[in-house]
């Protein structure tokens, strides 16, 4: 059960890049991808710690659980983005014809 508590935040982080891409398109946010990723990782890390029951102990242990879960979510999102999503997007964008600009 302990291993599952450590793996779940990482797997949640693996699906975080498409969510961030959708949010940035819906909210029309540009150039804040890393900040948005970090803020979402903190929020998701806190939620995972809460649902895993790790926030019921002492303050130091609760804070460390949030840090660990947040770092796992953020690491999972970065691994997924650089190994999966970025190559997929680059190949997809490279196959589209370039739009010419009219001056």
C-alpha atoms as a PDB file:
ATOM      1  CA  UNK A   1       0.000   0.000   0.000  1.00  0.00           C
ATOM      2  CA  UNK A   2       2.884   2.365   0.741  1.00  0.00           C
ATOM      3  CA  UNK A   3       4.305   1.909  -2.743  1.00  0.00           C
ATOM      4  CA  UNK A   4       0.914   2.745  -4.244  1.00  0.00           C
ATOM      5  CA  UNK A   5       0.902   6.041  -2.319  1.00  0.00           C
ATOM      6  CA  UNK A   6       4.190   6.958  -3.948  1.00  0.00           C
ATOM      7  CA  UNK A   7       3.314   5.814  -7.476  1.00  0.00           C
ATOM      8  CA  UNK A   8      -0.107   7.455  -7.790  1.00  0.00           C
ATOM      9  CA  UNK A   9       1.195  11.071  -7.723  1.00  0.00           C
ATOM     10  CA  UNK A  10       3.745  10.194 -10.408  1.00  0.00           C
ATOM     11  CA  UNK A  11       1.059   8.704 -12.666  1.00  0.00           C
ATOM     12  CA  UNK A  12      -1.176  11.715 -12.100  1.00  0.00           C
ATOM     13  CA  UNK A  13       1.744  13.856 -13.236  1.00  0.00           C
ATOM     14  CA  UNK A  14       1.996  11.821 -16.439  1.00  0.00           C
ATOM     15  CA  UNK A  15      -1.427  13.047 -17.574  1.00  0.00           C
ATOM     16  CA  UNK A  16      -0.870  16.625 -16.402  1.00  0.00           C
ATOM     17  CA  UNK A  17       0.737  18.008 -19.644  1.00  0.00           C
ATOM     18  CA  UNK A  18      -2.368  17.503 -21.829  1.00  0.00           C
ATOM     19  CA  UNK A  19      -4.492  19.084 -19.098  1.00  0.00           C
ATOM     20  CA  UNK A  20      -2.180  22.095 -19.005  1.00  0.00           C
ATOM     21  CA  UNK A  21      -2.273  22.337 -22.806  1.00  0.00           C
ATOM     22  CA  UNK A  22      -6.065  22.360 -22.739  1.00  0.00           C
ATOM     23  CA  UNK A  23      -6.180  24.929 -19.923  1.00  0.00           C
ATOM     24  CA  UNK A  24      -3.763  27.208 -21.712  1.00  0.00           C
ATOM     25  CA  UNK A  25      -5.860  27.039 -24.893  1.00  0.00           C
ATOM     26  CA  UNK A  26      -9.155  27.594 -23.070  1.00  0.00           C
ATOM     27  CA  UNK A  27      -7.843  30.448 -20.909  1.00  0.00           C
ATOM     28  CA  UNK A  28      -5.668  31.778 -23.757  1.00  0.00           C
ATOM     29  CA  UNK A  29      -2.589  31.822 -21.550  1.00  0.00           C
ATOM     30  CA  UNK A  30       0.805  31.994 -23.231  1.00  0.00           C
ATOM     31  CA  UNK A  31       4.312  31.758 -21.796  1.00  0.00           C
ATOM     32  CA  UNK A  32       3.244  30.647 -18.319  1.00  0.00           C
ATOM     33  CA  UNK A  33       3.462  26.889 -18.852  1.00  0.00           C
ATOM     34  CA  UNK A  34       6.137  26.218 -16.207  1.00  0.00           C
ATOM     35  CA  UNK A  35       4.402  28.404 -13.623  1.00  0.00           C
ATOM     36  CA  UNK A  36       1.023  26.815 -14.332  1.00  0.00           C
ATOM     37  CA  UNK A  37       2.596  23.363 -14.140  1.00  0.00           C
ATOM     38  CA  UNK A  38       4.188  24.109 -10.785  1.00  0.00           C
ATOM     39  CA  UNK A  39       1.006  25.608  -9.296  1.00  0.00           C
ATOM     40  CA  UNK A  40      -1.075  22.643 -10.474  1.00  0.00           C
ATOM     41  CA  UNK A  41       1.554  20.242  -9.105  1.00  0.00           C
ATOM     42  CA  UNK A  42       1.290  21.915  -5.688  1.00  0.00           C
ATOM     43  CA  UNK A  43      -2.516  21.761  -5.722  1.00  0.00           C
ATOM     44  CA  UNK A  44      -2.579  18.135  -6.876  1.00  0.00           C
ATOM     45  CA  UNK A  45       0.172  17.195  -4.385  1.00  0.00           C
ATOM     46  CA  UNK A  46      -1.891  18.671  -1.541  1.00  0.00           C
ATOM     47  CA  UNK A  47      -5.003  16.824  -2.718  1.00  0.00           C
ATOM     48  CA  UNK A  48      -3.160  13.510  -3.013  1.00  0.00           C
ATOM     49  CA  UNK A  49      -1.701  13.935   0.475  1.00  0.00           C
ATOM     50  CA  UNK A  50      -5.142  14.750   1.839  1.00  0.00           C
ATOM     51  CA  UNK A  51      -6.879  11.771   0.220  1.00  0.00           C
ATOM     52  CA  UNK A  52      -4.055   9.434   1.241  1.00  0.00           C
ATOM     53  CA  UNK A  53      -4.574  10.491   4.864  1.00  0.00           C
ATOM     54  CA  UNK A  54      -1.069  11.862   5.273  1.00  0.00           C
ATOM     55  CA  UNK A  55      -2.158  15.241   6.662  1.00  0.00           C
ATOM     56  CA  UNK A  56      -3.524  13.921   9.956  1.00  0.00           C
ATOM     57  CA  UNK A  57      -0.210  13.765  11.825  1.00  0.00           C
ATOM     58  CA  UNK A  58       2.228  16.381  12.997  1.00  0.00           C
ATOM     59  CA  UNK A  59       2.807  19.551  11.005  1.00  0.00           C
ATOM     60  CA  UNK A  60       6.337  18.575   9.932  1.00  0.00           C
ATOM     61  CA  UNK A  61       5.218  15.172   8.657  1.00  0.00           C
ATOM     62  CA  UNK A  62       2.259  16.664   6.827  1.00  0.00           C
ATOM     63  CA  UNK A  63       4.448  19.303   5.202  1.00  0.00           C
ATOM     64  CA  UNK A  64       6.971  16.657   4.117  1.00  0.00           C
ATOM     65  CA  UNK A  65       4.170  14.517   2.638  1.00  0.00           C
ATOM     66  CA  UNK A  66       2.979  17.509   0.596  1.00  0.00           C
ATOM     67  CA  UNK A  67       6.524  18.202  -0.611  1.00  0.00           C
ATOM     68  CA  UNK A  68       7.060  14.565  -1.633  1.00  0.00           C
ATOM     69  CA  UNK A  69       3.718  14.264  -3.433  1.00  0.00           C
ATOM     70  CA  UNK A  70       4.188  17.621  -5.165  1.00  0.00           C
ATOM     71  CA  UNK A  71       7.666  16.667  -6.344  1.00  0.00           C
ATOM     72  CA  UNK A  72       6.388  13.343  -7.678  1.00  0.00           C
ATOM     73  CA  UNK A  73       3.565  15.054  -9.589  1.00  0.00           C
ATOM     74  CA  UNK A  74       5.935  17.665 -11.022  1.00  0.00           C
ATOM     75  CA  UNK A  75       8.560  15.069 -11.960  1.00  0.00           C
ATOM     76  CA  UNK A  76       5.942  12.903 -13.663  1.00  0.00           C
ATOM     77  CA  UNK A  77       4.666  15.846 -15.652  1.00  0.00           C
ATOM     78  CA  UNK A  78       8.140  16.836 -16.824  1.00  0.00           C
ATOM     79  CA  UNK A  79       9.087  13.275 -17.772  1.00  0.00           C
ATOM     80  CA  UNK A  80       5.848  12.808 -19.701  1.00  0.00           C
ATOM     81  CA  UNK A  81       6.184  16.148 -21.467  1.00  0.00           C
ATOM     82  CA  UNK A  82       9.782  15.742 -22.602  1.00  0.00           C
ATOM     83  CA  UNK A  83       9.595  12.035 -23.465  1.00  0.00           C
ATOM     84  CA  UNK A  84       6.092  11.772 -24.910  1.00  0.00           C
ATOM     85  CA  UNK A  85       4.123  14.953 -25.500  1.00  0.00           C
ATOM     86  CA  UNK A  86       6.842  17.238 -26.870  1.00  0.00           C
ATOM     87  CA  UNK A  87       8.042  14.759 -29.554  1.00  0.00           C
ATOM     88  CA  UNK A  88       4.425  14.077 -30.543  1.00  0.00           C
ATOM     89  CA  UNK A  89       3.653  17.750 -30.877  1.00  0.00           C
ATOM     90  CA  UNK A  90       6.859  18.529 -32.753  1.00  0.00           C
ATOM     91  CA  UNK A  91       6.198  15.802 -35.311  1.00  0.00           C
ATOM     92  CA  UNK A  92       2.585  16.897 -35.691  1.00  0.00           C
ATOM     93  CA  UNK A  93       3.470  20.554 -36.120  1.00  0.00           C
ATOM     94  CA  UNK A  94       6.307  19.727 -38.532  1.00  0.00           C
ATOM     95  CA  UNK A  95       3.930  17.798 -40.805  1.00  0.00           C
ATOM     96  CA  UNK A  96       1.556  20.775 -41.134  1.00  0.00           C
ATOM     97  CA  UNK A  97       2.303  23.209 -43.943  1.00  0.00           C
ATOM     98  CA  UNK A  98       3.654  26.568 -42.846  1.00  0.00           C
ATOM     99  CA  UNK A  99       1.271  29.495 -43.133  1.00  0.00           C
ATOM    100  CA  UNK A 100       2.586  32.351 -45.172  1.00  0.00           C
ATOM    101  CA  UNK A 101       2.313  35.852 -43.788  1.00  0.00           C
ATOM    102  CA  UNK A 102       0.982  38.581 -46.043  1.00  0.00           C
ATOM    103  CA  UNK A 103       2.739  41.922 -45.569  1.00  0.00           C
END
